[in-house]
């Protein structure tokens, strides 16, 4: 009798362990899906905002180059001046790239992956 009760209990434990493993697998699938979707939507939002900013910057640059060209009485000089401004901005951004790029991206994606 004790052997049969023990056998029934072990079968019950095996069932419960199987259900537990299946539930954990489903949980981690959903958790992985959530992380992938949050990352994908964050990248998509960033890309759309970046595209809009680039378009504004492009047309503003052309307008500034035309204004400077009219001021200097030489349109090539106006475009060259705007190009020089962008070279200076690129140098400054290169010098401070760690503070502006790496840290915010690491903080954002660390929040997505580890806090939720």
PDB file of N, CA and C in Angstrom:
ATOM      1  N   UNK A   1       0.792  -1.189   0.000  1.00  0.00           N
ATOM      2  CA  UNK A   1       0.000   0.000   0.000  1.00  0.00           C
ATOM      3  C   UNK A   1       0.847   1.271   0.000  1.00  0.00           C
ATOM      4  N   UNK A   2       1.829   1.313   0.833  1.00  0.00           N
ATOM      5  CA  UNK A   2       2.683   2.479   0.886  1.00  0.00           C
ATOM      6  C   UNK A   2       3.409   2.659  -0.439  1.00  0.00           C
ATOM      7  N   UNK A   3       3.765   1.535  -1.067  1.00  0.00           N
ATOM      8  CA  UNK A   3       4.447   1.608  -2.358  1.00  0.00           C
ATOM      9  C   UNK A   3       3.545   2.216  -3.419  1.00  0.00           C
ATOM     10  N   UNK A   4       2.249   1.853  -3.416  1.00  0.00           N
ATOM     11  CA  UNK A   4       1.308   2.407  -4.399  1.00  0.00           C
ATOM     12  C   UNK A   4       1.085   3.900  -4.166  1.00  0.00           C
ATOM     13  N   UNK A   5       0.993   4.316  -2.907  1.00  0.00           N
ATOM     14  CA  UNK A   5       0.832   5.737  -2.605  1.00  0.00           C
ATOM     15  C   UNK A   5       2.068   6.519  -3.058  1.00  0.00           C
ATOM     16  N   UNK A   6       3.220   5.924  -2.813  1.00  0.00           N
ATOM     17  CA  UNK A   6       4.465   6.556  -3.241  1.00  0.00           C
ATOM     18  C   UNK A   6       4.525   6.669  -4.758  1.00  0.00           C
ATOM     19  N   UNK A   7       4.072   5.627  -5.456  1.00  0.00           N
ATOM     20  CA  UNK A   7       4.051   5.629  -6.913  1.00  0.00           C
ATOM     21  C   UNK A   7       3.092   6.697  -7.432  1.00  0.00           C
ATOM     22  N   UNK A   8       1.926   6.828  -6.824  1.00  0.00           N
ATOM     23  CA  UNK A   8       0.950   7.847  -7.234  1.00  0.00           C
ATOM     24  C   UNK A   8       1.502   9.252  -6.984  1.00  0.00           C
ATOM     25  N   UNK A   9       2.147   9.415  -5.842  1.00  0.00           N
ATOM     26  CA  UNK A   9       2.734  10.725  -5.529  1.00  0.00           C
ATOM     27  C   UNK A   9       3.855  11.079  -6.502  1.00  0.00           C
ATOM     28  N   UNK A  10       4.682  10.107  -6.887  1.00  0.00           N
ATOM     29  CA  UNK A  10       5.761  10.403  -7.831  1.00  0.00           C
ATOM     30  C   UNK A  10       5.204  10.748  -9.204  1.00  0.00           C
ATOM     31  N   UNK A  11       4.114  10.087  -9.620  1.00  0.00           N
ATOM     32  CA  UNK A  11       3.478  10.432 -10.899  1.00  0.00           C
ATOM     33  C   UNK A  11       2.902  11.844 -10.831  1.00  0.00           C
ATOM     34  N   UNK A  12       2.316  12.173  -9.675  1.00  0.00           N
ATOM     35  CA  UNK A  12       1.751  13.511  -9.487  1.00  0.00           C
ATOM     36  C   UNK A  12       2.872  14.558  -9.527  1.00  0.00           C
ATOM     37  N   UNK A  13       4.002  14.271  -8.913  1.00  0.00           N
ATOM     38  CA  UNK A  13       5.138  15.192  -8.922  1.00  0.00           C
ATOM     39  C   UNK A  13       5.666  15.358 -10.339  1.00  0.00           C
ATOM     40  N   UNK A  14       5.737  14.272 -11.091  1.00  0.00           N
ATOM     41  CA  UNK A  14       6.204  14.364 -12.472  1.00  0.00           C
ATOM     42  C   UNK A  14       5.270  15.237 -13.297  1.00  0.00           C
ATOM     43  N   UNK A  15       3.963  15.097 -13.079  1.00  0.00           N
ATOM     44  CA  UNK A  15       2.991  15.937 -13.802  1.00  0.00           C
ATOM     45  C   UNK A  15       3.194  17.405 -13.445  1.00  0.00           C
ATOM     46  N   UNK A  16       3.342  17.660 -12.145  1.00  0.00           N
ATOM     47  CA  UNK A  16       3.509  19.043 -11.695  1.00  0.00           C
ATOM     48  C   UNK A  16       4.815  19.649 -12.230  1.00  0.00           C
ATOM     49  N   UNK A  17       5.877  18.878 -12.241  1.00  0.00           N
ATOM     50  CA  UNK A  17       7.151  19.359 -12.776  1.00  0.00           C
ATOM     51  C   UNK A  17       7.011  19.646 -14.271  1.00  0.00           C
ATOM     52  N   UNK A  18       6.328  18.770 -14.989  1.00  0.00           N
ATOM     53  CA  UNK A  18       6.098  18.994 -16.425  1.00  0.00           C
ATOM     54  C   UNK A  18       5.316  20.268 -16.678  1.00  0.00           C
ATOM     55  N   UNK A  19       4.261  20.499 -15.882  1.00  0.00           N
ATOM     56  CA  UNK A  19       3.474  21.727 -16.021  1.00  0.00           C
ATOM     57  C   UNK A  19       4.325  22.954 -15.695  1.00  0.00           C
ATOM     58  N   UNK A  20       5.152  22.823 -14.664  1.00  0.00           N
ATOM     59  CA  UNK A  20       6.017  23.927 -14.266  1.00  0.00           C
ATOM     60  C   UNK A  20       7.014  24.273 -15.367  1.00  0.00           C
ATOM     61  N   UNK A  21       7.614  23.262 -15.956  1.00  0.00           N
ATOM     62  CA  UNK A  21       8.580  23.483 -17.045  1.00  0.00           C
ATOM     63  C   UNK A  21       7.886  24.125 -18.242  1.00  0.00           C
ATOM     64  N   UNK A  22       6.704  23.619 -18.602  1.00  0.00           N
ATOM     65  CA  UNK A  22       5.959  24.207 -19.727  1.00  0.00           C
ATOM     66  C   UNK A  22       5.597  25.663 -19.452  1.00  0.00           C
ATOM     67  N   UNK A  23       5.170  25.956 -18.218  1.00  0.00           N
ATOM     68  CA  UNK A  23       4.817  27.332 -17.867  1.00  0.00           C
ATOM     69  C   UNK A  23       6.050  28.238 -17.944  1.00  0.00           C
ATOM     70  N   UNK A  24       7.198  27.739 -17.487  1.00  0.00           N
ATOM     71  CA  UNK A  24       8.425  28.531 -17.568  1.00  0.00           C
ATOM     72  C   UNK A  24       8.843  28.780 -19.007  1.00  0.00           C
ATOM     73  N   UNK A  25       8.719  27.780 -19.849  1.00  0.00           N
ATOM     74  CA  UNK A  25       9.058  27.950 -21.266  1.00  0.00           C
ATOM     75  C   UNK A  25       8.167  29.016 -21.890  1.00  0.00           C
ATOM     76  N   UNK A  26       6.868  28.953 -21.613  1.00  0.00           N
ATOM     77  CA  UNK A  26       5.944  29.950 -22.155  1.00  0.00           C
ATOM     78  C   UNK A  26       6.263  31.347 -21.624  1.00  0.00           C
ATOM     79  N   UNK A  27       6.591  31.424 -20.336  1.00  0.00           N
ATOM     80  CA  UNK A  27       6.928  32.715 -19.745  1.00  0.00           C
ATOM     81  C   UNK A  27       8.145  33.324 -20.431  1.00  0.00           C
ATOM     82  N   UNK A  28       9.179  32.536 -20.618  1.00  0.00           N
ATOM     83  CA  UNK A  28      10.399  33.075 -21.225  1.00  0.00           C
ATOM     84  C   UNK A  28      10.208  33.395 -22.702  1.00  0.00           C
ATOM     85  N   UNK A  29       9.328  32.667 -23.377  1.00  0.00           N
ATOM     86  CA  UNK A  29       9.001  33.032 -24.763  1.00  0.00           C
ATOM     87  C   UNK A  29       8.330  34.397 -24.792  1.00  0.00           C
ATOM     88  N   UNK A  30       7.350  34.603 -23.910  1.00  0.00           N
ATOM     89  CA  UNK A  30       6.657  35.892 -23.867  1.00  0.00           C
ATOM     90  C   UNK A  30       7.597  37.017 -23.432  1.00  0.00           C
ATOM     91  N   UNK A  31       8.439  36.736 -22.473  1.00  0.00           N
ATOM     92  CA  UNK A  31       9.386  37.750 -22.005  1.00  0.00           C
ATOM     93  C   UNK A  31      10.360  38.134 -23.126  1.00  0.00           C
ATOM     94  N   UNK A  32      10.860  37.169 -23.849  1.00  0.00           N
ATOM     95  CA  UNK A  32      11.764  37.437 -24.977  1.00  0.00           C
ATOM     96  C   UNK A  32      11.053  38.238 -26.056  1.00  0.00           C
ATOM     97  N   UNK A  33       9.804  37.867 -26.339  1.00  0.00           N
ATOM     98  CA  UNK A  33       9.018  38.599 -27.338  1.00  0.00           C
ATOM     99  C   UNK A  33       8.844  40.050 -26.912  1.00  0.00           C
ATOM    100  N   UNK A  34       8.559  40.269 -25.623  1.00  0.00           N
ATOM    101  CA  UNK A  34       8.380  41.627 -25.112  1.00  0.00           C
ATOM    102  C   UNK A  34       9.664  42.439 -25.282  1.00  0.00           C
ATOM    103  N   UNK A  35      10.798  41.853 -24.959  1.00  0.00           N
ATOM    104  CA  UNK A  35      12.076  42.556 -25.085  1.00  0.00           C
ATOM    105  C   UNK A  35      12.376  42.881 -26.540  1.00  0.00           C
ATOM    106  N   UNK A  36      12.156  41.926 -27.422  1.00  0.00           N
ATOM    107  CA  UNK A  36      12.423  42.150 -28.846  1.00  0.00           C
ATOM    108  C   UNK A  36      11.504  43.237 -29.398  1.00  0.00           C
ATOM    109  N   UNK A  37      10.234  43.212 -29.027  1.00  0.00           N
ATOM    110  CA  UNK A  37       9.296  44.225 -29.532  1.00  0.00           C
ATOM    111  C   UNK A  37       9.619  45.606 -28.985  1.00  0.00           C
ATOM    112  N   UNK A  38       9.972  45.702 -27.704  1.00  0.00           N
ATOM    113  CA  UNK A  38      10.337  47.012 -27.157  1.00  0.00           C
ATOM    114  C   UNK A  38      11.576  47.557 -27.850  1.00  0.00           C
ATOM    115  N   UNK A  39      12.554  46.700 -28.092  1.00  0.00           N
ATOM    116  CA  UNK A  39      13.779  47.137 -28.774  1.00  0.00           C
ATOM    117  C   UNK A  39      13.470  47.563 -30.207  1.00  0.00           C
ATOM    118  N   UNK A  40      12.664  46.778 -30.895  1.00  0.00           N
ATOM    119  CA  UNK A  40      12.319  47.089 -32.282  1.00  0.00           C
ATOM    120  C   UNK A  40      11.547  48.396 -32.377  1.00  0.00           C
ATOM    121  N   UNK A  41      10.566  48.593 -31.509  1.00  0.00           N
ATOM    122  CA  UNK A  41       9.798  49.835 -31.569  1.00  0.00           C
ATOM    123  C   UNK A  41      10.662  51.037 -31.183  1.00  0.00           C
ATOM    124  N   UNK A  42      11.586  50.855 -30.240  1.00  0.00           N
ATOM    125  CA  UNK A  42      12.479  51.960 -29.870  1.00  0.00           C
ATOM    126  C   UNK A  42      13.366  52.342 -31.055  1.00  0.00           C
ATOM    127  N   UNK A  43      13.880  51.341 -31.744  1.00  0.00           N
ATOM    128  CA  UNK A  43      14.726  51.615 -32.913  1.00  0.00           C
ATOM    129  C   UNK A  43      13.910  52.264 -34.028  1.00  0.00           C
ATOM    130  N   UNK A  44      12.687  51.802 -34.237  1.00  0.00           N
ATOM    131  CA  UNK A  44      11.833  52.380 -35.270  1.00  0.00           C
ATOM    132  C   UNK A  44      11.484  53.833 -34.949  1.00  0.00           C
ATOM    133  N   UNK A  45      11.111  54.104 -33.700  1.00  0.00           N
ATOM    134  CA  UNK A  45      10.808  55.482 -33.307  1.00  0.00           C
ATOM    135  C   UNK A  45      12.025  56.378 -33.510  1.00  0.00           C
ATOM    136  N   UNK A  46      13.180  55.880 -33.079  1.00  0.00           N
ATOM    137  CA  UNK A  46      14.408  56.656 -33.232  1.00  0.00           C
ATOM    138  C   UNK A  46      14.696  56.931 -34.705  1.00  0.00           C
ATOM    139  N   UNK A  47      14.489  55.925 -35.554  1.00  0.00           N
ATOM    140  CA  UNK A  47      14.750  56.090 -36.994  1.00  0.00           C
ATOM    141  C   UNK A  47      13.818  57.119 -37.611  1.00  0.00           C
ATOM    142  N   UNK A  48      12.542  57.093 -37.241  1.00  0.00           N
ATOM    143  CA  UNK A  48      11.589  58.066 -37.786  1.00  0.00           C
ATOM    144  C   UNK A  48      11.923  59.484 -37.338  1.00  0.00           C
ATOM    145  N   UNK A  49      12.263  59.638 -36.069  1.00  0.00           N
ATOM    146  CA  UNK A  49      12.634  60.966 -35.571  1.00  0.00           C
ATOM    147  C   UNK A  49      13.928  61.435 -36.237  1.00  0.00           C
ATOM    148  N   UNK A  50      14.882  60.529 -36.387  1.00  0.00           N
ATOM    149  CA  UNK A  50      16.134  60.870 -37.043  1.00  0.00           C
ATOM    150  C   UNK A  50      15.906  61.306 -38.486  1.00  0.00           C
ATOM    151  N   UNK A  51      15.026  60.604 -39.200  1.00  0.00           N
ATOM    152  CA  UNK A  51      14.717  60.976 -40.583  1.00  0.00           C
ATOM    153  C   UNK A  51      14.117  62.380 -40.646  1.00  0.00           C
ATOM    154  N   UNK A  52      13.187  62.687 -39.738  1.00  0.00           N
ATOM    155  CA  UNK A  52      12.576  64.013 -39.725  1.00  0.00           C
ATOM    156  C   UNK A  52      13.614  65.095 -39.420  1.00  0.00           C
ATOM    157  N   UNK A  53      14.486  64.827 -38.465  1.00  0.00           N
ATOM    158  CA  UNK A  53      15.523  65.801 -38.118  1.00  0.00           C
ATOM    159  C   UNK A  53      16.483  66.005 -39.285  1.00  0.00           C
ATOM    160  N   UNK A  54      16.826  64.932 -39.971  1.00  0.00           N
ATOM    161  CA  UNK A  54      17.733  65.051 -41.119  1.00  0.00           C
ATOM    162  C   UNK A  54      17.096  65.881 -42.231  1.00  0.00           C
ATOM    163  N   UNK A  55      15.804  65.690 -42.469  1.00  0.00           N
ATOM    164  CA  UNK A  55      15.124  66.483 -43.507  1.00  0.00           C
ATOM    165  C   UNK A  55      15.110  67.965 -43.132  1.00  0.00           C
ATOM    166  N   UNK A  56      14.804  68.272 -41.875  1.00  0.00           N
ATOM    167  CA  UNK A  56      14.800  69.669 -41.428  1.00  0.00           C
ATOM    168  C   UNK A  56      16.202  70.258 -41.541  1.00  0.00           C
ATOM    169  N   UNK A  57      17.191  69.487 -41.128  1.00  0.00           N
ATOM    170  CA  UNK A  57      18.574  69.946 -41.194  1.00  0.00           C
ATOM    171  C   UNK A  57      19.023  70.166 -42.636  1.00  0.00           C
ATOM    172  N   UNK A  58      18.605  69.281 -43.526  1.00  0.00           N
ATOM    173  CA  UNK A  58      18.966  69.394 -44.942  1.00  0.00           C
ATOM    174  C   UNK A  58      18.430  70.692 -45.550  1.00  0.00           C
ATOM    175  N   UNK A  59      17.141  70.931 -45.357  1.00  0.00           N
ATOM    176  CA  UNK A  59      16.549  72.128 -45.957  1.00  0.00           C
ATOM    177  C   UNK A  59      17.020  73.410 -45.255  1.00  0.00           C
ATOM    178  N   UNK A  60      17.246  73.331 -43.963  1.00  0.00           N
ATOM    179  CA  UNK A  60      17.783  74.494 -43.247  1.00  0.00           C
ATOM    180  C   UNK A  60      19.203  74.801 -43.709  1.00  0.00           C
ATOM    181  N   UNK A  61      19.971  73.777 -43.985  1.00  0.00           N
ATOM    182  CA  UNK A  61      21.341  73.972 -44.461  1.00  0.00           C
ATOM    183  C   UNK A  61      21.361  74.641 -45.824  1.00  0.00           C
ATOM    184  N   UNK A  62      20.476  74.197 -46.697  1.00  0.00           N
ATOM    185  CA  UNK A  62      20.396  74.820 -48.022  1.00  0.00           C
ATOM    186  C   UNK A  62      19.991  76.285 -47.894  1.00  0.00           C
ATOM    187  N   UNK A  63      19.002  76.544 -47.034  1.00  0.00           N
ATOM    188  CA  UNK A  63      18.560  77.930 -46.843  1.00  0.00           C
ATOM    189  C   UNK A  63      19.687  78.786 -46.266  1.00  0.00           C
ATOM    190  N   UNK A  64      20.391  78.255 -45.275  1.00  0.00           N
ATOM    191  CA  UNK A  64      21.500  79.002 -44.686  1.00  0.00           C
ATOM    192  C   UNK A  64      22.608  79.242 -45.712  1.00  0.00           C
ATOM    193  N   UNK A  65      22.900  78.243 -46.521  1.00  0.00           N
ATOM    194  CA  UNK A  65      23.936  78.397 -47.540  1.00  0.00           C
ATOM    195  C   UNK A  65      23.540  79.471 -48.557  1.00  0.00           C
ATOM    196  N   UNK A  66      22.276  79.504 -48.938  1.00  0.00           N
ATOM    197  CA  UNK A  66      21.816  80.534 -49.885  1.00  0.00           C
ATOM    198  C   UNK A  66      21.875  81.927 -49.263  1.00  0.00           C
ATOM    199  N   UNK A  67      21.489  82.032 -47.983  1.00  0.00           N
ATOM    200  CA  UNK A  67      21.556  83.325 -47.303  1.00  0.00           C
ATOM    201  C   UNK A  67      23.005  83.794 -47.176  1.00  0.00           C
ATOM    202  N   UNK A  68      23.889  82.890 -46.754  1.00  0.00           N
ATOM    203  CA  UNK A  68      25.296  83.259 -46.644  1.00  0.00           C
ATOM    204  C   UNK A  68      25.902  83.571 -48.006  1.00  0.00           C
ATOM    205  N   UNK A  69      25.476  82.830 -49.020  1.00  0.00           N
ATOM    206  CA  UNK A  69      25.955  83.094 -50.373  1.00  0.00           C
ATOM    207  C   UNK A  69      25.550  84.474 -50.847  1.00  0.00           C
ATOM    208  N   UNK A  70      24.310  84.883 -50.538  1.00  0.00           N
ATOM    209  CA  UNK A  70      23.864  86.222 -50.910  1.00  0.00           C
ATOM    210  C   UNK A  70      24.627  87.280 -50.111  1.00  0.00           C
ATOM    211  N   UNK A  71      24.916  86.964 -48.842  1.00  0.00           N
ATOM    212  CA  UNK A  71      25.656  87.902 -47.996  1.00  0.00           C
ATOM    213  C   UNK A  71      27.089  88.074 -48.494  1.00  0.00           C
ATOM    214  N   UNK A  72      27.740  86.979 -48.872  1.00  0.00           N
ATOM    215  CA  UNK A  72      29.117  87.032 -49.353  1.00  0.00           C
ATOM    216  C   UNK A  72      29.206  87.348 -50.850  1.00  0.00           C
ATOM    217  N   UNK A  73      28.070  87.458 -51.530  1.00  0.00           N
ATOM    218  CA  UNK A  73      28.000  87.672 -52.974  1.00  0.00           C
ATOM    219  C   UNK A  73      28.657  86.528 -53.743  1.00  0.00           C
ATOM    220  N   UNK A  74      28.626  85.332 -53.155  1.00  0.00           N
ATOM    221  CA  UNK A  74      29.195  84.158 -53.803  1.00  0.00           C
ATOM    222  C   UNK A  74      28.509  82.921 -53.208  1.00  0.00           C
ATOM    223  N   UNK A  75      27.658  82.307 -54.007  1.00  0.00           N
ATOM    224  CA  UNK A  75      26.938  81.127 -53.511  1.00  0.00           C
ATOM    225  C   UNK A  75      27.871  79.962 -53.180  1.00  0.00           C
ATOM    226  N   UNK A  76      28.912  79.699 -53.965  1.00  0.00           N
ATOM    227  CA  UNK A  76      29.832  78.623 -53.558  1.00  0.00           C
ATOM    228  C   UNK A  76      30.473  78.883 -52.194  1.00  0.00           C
ATOM    229  N   UNK A  77      30.784  80.123 -51.906  1.00  0.00           N
ATOM    230  CA  UNK A  77      31.364  80.467 -50.611  1.00  0.00           C
ATOM    231  C   UNK A  77      30.355  80.234 -49.481  1.00  0.00           C
ATOM    232  N   UNK A  78      29.085  80.490 -49.748  1.00  0.00           N
ATOM    233  CA  UNK A  78      28.040  80.228 -48.754  1.00  0.00           C
ATOM    234  C   UNK A  78      27.924  78.735 -48.449  1.00  0.00           C
ATOM    235  N   UNK A  79      27.941  77.910 -49.501  1.00  0.00           N
ATOM    236  CA  UNK A  79      27.875  76.461 -49.292  1.00  0.00           C
ATOM    237  C   UNK A  79      29.140  75.948 -48.614  1.00  0.00           C
ATOM    238  N   UNK A  80      30.278  76.521 -48.953  1.00  0.00           N
ATOM    239  CA  UNK A  80      31.534  76.134 -48.316  1.00  0.00           C
ATOM    240  C   UNK A  80      31.530  76.496 -46.829  1.00  0.00           C
ATOM    241  N   UNK A  81      30.967  77.636 -46.492  1.00  0.00           N
ATOM    242  CA  UNK A  81      30.870  78.050 -45.091  1.00  0.00           C
ATOM    243  C   UNK A  81      29.998  77.088 -44.295  1.00  0.00           C
ATOM    244  N   UNK A  82      28.859  76.695 -44.856  1.00  0.00           N
ATOM    245  CA  UNK A  82      27.979  75.736 -44.179  1.00  0.00           C
ATOM    246  C   UNK A  82      28.690  74.394 -44.024  1.00  0.00           C
ATOM    247  N   UNK A  83      29.421  73.979 -45.042  1.00  0.00           N
ATOM    248  CA  UNK A  83      30.203  72.742 -44.937  1.00  0.00           C
ATOM    249  C   UNK A  83      31.239  72.830 -43.829  1.00  0.00           C
ATOM    250  N   UNK A  84      31.896  73.974 -43.698  1.00  0.00           N
ATOM    251  CA  UNK A  84      32.872  74.183 -42.631  1.00  0.00           C
ATOM    252  C   UNK A  84      32.236  74.129 -41.249  1.00  0.00           C
ATOM    253  N   UNK A  85      31.034  74.687 -41.162  1.00  0.00           N
ATOM    254  CA  UNK A  85      30.310  74.620 -39.882  1.00  0.00           C
ATOM    255  C   UNK A  85      30.041  73.168 -39.511  1.00  0.00           C
ATOM    256  N   UNK A  86      29.650  72.363 -40.498  1.00  0.00           N
ATOM    257  CA  UNK A  86      29.377  70.948 -40.219  1.00  0.00           C
ATOM    258  C   UNK A  86      30.656  70.183 -39.867  1.00  0.00           C
ATOM    259  N   UNK A  87      31.759  70.552 -40.454  1.00  0.00           N
ATOM    260  CA  UNK A  87      33.024  69.913 -40.090  1.00  0.00           C
ATOM    261  C   UNK A  87      33.366  70.222 -38.636  1.00  0.00           C
ATOM    262  N   UNK A  88      33.190  71.471 -38.215  1.00  0.00           N
ATOM    263  CA  UNK A  88      33.449  71.838 -36.821  1.00  0.00           C
ATOM    264  C   UNK A  88      32.504  71.095 -35.871  1.00  0.00           C
ATOM    265  N   UNK A  89      31.237  71.002 -36.229  1.00  0.00           N
ATOM    266  CA  UNK A  89      30.276  70.264 -35.399  1.00  0.00           C
ATOM    267  C   UNK A  89      30.670  68.788 -35.311  1.00  0.00           C
ATOM    268  N   UNK A  90      31.113  68.219 -36.424  1.00  0.00           N
ATOM    269  CA  UNK A  90      31.525  66.811 -36.435  1.00  0.00           C
ATOM    270  C   UNK A  90      32.735  66.588 -35.535  1.00  0.00           C
ATOM    271  N   UNK A  91      33.675  67.508 -35.533  1.00  0.00           N
ATOM    272  CA  UNK A  91      34.861  67.378 -34.677  1.00  0.00           C
ATOM    273  C   UNK A  91      34.460  67.440 -33.202  1.00  0.00           C
ATOM    274  N   UNK A  92      33.597  68.388 -32.868  1.00  0.00           N
ATOM    275  CA  UNK A  92      33.141  68.504 -31.476  1.00  0.00           C
ATOM    276  C   UNK A  92      32.387  67.238 -31.051  1.00  0.00           C
ATOM    277  N   UNK A  93      31.501  66.751 -31.899  1.00  0.00           N
ATOM    278  CA  UNK A  93      30.757  65.528 -31.571  1.00  0.00           C
ATOM    279  C   UNK A  93      31.680  64.325 -31.435  1.00  0.00           C
ATOM    280  N   UNK A  94      32.720  64.268 -32.236  1.00  0.00           N
ATOM    281  CA  UNK A  94      33.685  63.170 -32.128  1.00  0.00           C
ATOM    282  C   UNK A  94      34.401  63.207 -30.782  1.00  0.00           C
ATOM    283  N   UNK A  95      34.700  64.403 -30.329  1.00  0.00           N
ATOM    284  CA  UNK A  95      35.419  64.537 -29.067  1.00  0.00           C
ATOM    285  C   UNK A  95      34.554  64.180 -27.855  1.00  0.00           C
ATOM    286  N   UNK A  96      33.245  64.388 -27.949  1.00  0.00           N
ATOM    287  CA  UNK A  96      32.365  64.102 -26.813  1.00  0.00           C
ATOM    288  C   UNK A  96      31.421  62.931 -27.099  1.00  0.00           C
ATOM    289  N   UNK A  97      31.812  62.044 -27.999  1.00  0.00           N
ATOM    290  CA  UNK A  97      30.938  60.955 -28.444  1.00  0.00           C
ATOM    291  C   UNK A  97      30.539  59.997 -27.329  1.00  0.00           C
ATOM    292  N   UNK A  98      31.408  59.733 -26.376  1.00  0.00           N
ATOM    293  CA  UNK A  98      31.090  58.782 -25.320  1.00  0.00           C
ATOM    294  C   UNK A  98      29.959  59.279 -24.434  1.00  0.00           C
ATOM    295  N   UNK A  99      29.999  60.555 -24.103  1.00  0.00           N
ATOM    296  CA  UNK A  99      28.969  61.123 -23.239  1.00  0.00           C
ATOM    297  C   UNK A  99      27.629  61.230 -23.948  1.00  0.00           C
ATOM    298  N   UNK A 100      27.636  61.505 -25.244  1.00  0.00           N
ATOM    299  CA  UNK A 100      26.388  61.756 -25.955  1.00  0.00           C
ATOM    300  C   UNK A 100      25.777  60.515 -26.581  1.00  0.00           C
ATOM    301  N   UNK A 101      26.576  59.505 -26.870  1.00  0.00           N
ATOM    302  CA  UNK A 101      26.043  58.365 -27.609  1.00  0.00           C
ATOM    303  C   UNK A 101      26.030  57.093 -26.776  1.00  0.00           C
ATOM    304  N   UNK A 102      27.178  56.656 -26.326  1.00  0.00           N
ATOM    305  CA  UNK A 102      27.274  55.359 -25.673  1.00  0.00           C
ATOM    306  C   UNK A 102      26.463  55.279 -24.388  1.00  0.00           C
ATOM    307  N   UNK A 103      26.640  56.231 -23.499  1.00  0.00           N
ATOM    308  CA  UNK A 103      25.979  56.169 -22.201  1.00  0.00           C
ATOM    309  C   UNK A 103      24.452  56.195 -22.316  1.00  0.00           C
ATOM    310  N   UNK A 104      23.834  57.133 -23.069  1.00  0.00           N
ATOM    311  CA  UNK A 104      22.371  57.115 -23.158  1.00  0.00           C
ATOM    312  C   UNK A 104      21.824  55.840 -23.800  1.00  0.00           C
ATOM    313  N   UNK A 105      22.510  55.316 -24.806  1.00  0.00           N
ATOM    314  CA  UNK A 105      22.035  54.092 -25.446  1.00  0.00           C
ATOM    315  C   UNK A 105      22.142  52.914 -24.484  1.00  0.00           C
ATOM    316  N   UNK A 106      23.251  52.819 -23.775  1.00  0.00           N
ATOM    317  CA  UNK A 106      23.401  51.743 -22.802  1.00  0.00           C
ATOM    318  C   UNK A 106      22.355  51.842 -21.697  1.00  0.00           C
ATOM    319  N   UNK A 107      22.084  53.047 -21.220  1.00  0.00           N
ATOM    320  CA  UNK A 107      21.074  53.212 -20.172  1.00  0.00           C
ATOM    321  C   UNK A 107      19.683  52.835 -20.673  1.00  0.00           C
ATOM    322  N   UNK A 108      19.341  53.248 -21.886  1.00  0.00           N
ATOM    323  CA  UNK A 108      18.016  52.956 -22.435  1.00  0.00           C
ATOM    324  C   UNK A 108      17.805  51.457 -22.601  1.00  0.00           C
ATOM    325  N   UNK A 109      18.763  50.785 -23.247  1.00  0.00           N
ATOM    326  CA  UNK A 109      18.585  49.360 -23.502  1.00  0.00           C
ATOM    327  C   UNK A 109      18.796  48.518 -22.241  1.00  0.00           C
ATOM    328  N   UNK A 110      19.572  49.005 -21.281  1.00  0.00           N
ATOM    329  CA  UNK A 110      19.684  48.301 -20.009  1.00  0.00           C
ATOM    330  C   UNK A 110      18.346  48.336 -19.290  1.00  0.00           C
ATOM    331  N   UNK A 111      17.651  49.454 -19.372  1.00  0.00           N
ATOM    332  CA  UNK A 111      16.316  49.542 -18.780  1.00  0.00           C
ATOM    333  C   UNK A 111      15.341  48.587 -19.436  1.00  0.00           C
ATOM    334  N   UNK A 112      15.421  48.456 -20.748  1.00  0.00           N
ATOM    335  CA  UNK A 112      14.522  47.552 -21.463  1.00  0.00           C
ATOM    336  C   UNK A 112      14.820  46.098 -21.120  1.00  0.00           C
ATOM    337  N   UNK A 113      16.082  45.725 -21.100  1.00  0.00           N
ATOM    338  CA  UNK A 113      16.444  44.317 -20.931  1.00  0.00           C
ATOM    339  C   UNK A 113      16.397  43.852 -19.479  1.00  0.00           C
ATOM    340  N   UNK A 114      16.810  44.681 -18.532  1.00  0.00           N
ATOM    341  CA  UNK A 114      17.012  44.181 -17.190  1.00  0.00           C
ATOM    342  C   UNK A 114      15.947  44.595 -16.188  1.00  0.00           C
ATOM    343  N   UNK A 115      15.243  45.700 -16.418  1.00  0.00           N
ATOM    344  CA  UNK A 115      14.270  46.163 -15.435  1.00  0.00           C
ATOM    345  C   UNK A 115      12.867  45.635 -15.666  1.00  0.00           C
ATOM    346  N   UNK A 116      12.581  45.118 -16.828  1.00  0.00           N
ATOM    347  CA  UNK A 116      11.211  44.694 -17.083  1.00  0.00           C
ATOM    348  C   UNK A 116      11.131  43.231 -17.388  1.00  0.00           C
TER     349      UNK A 116
END
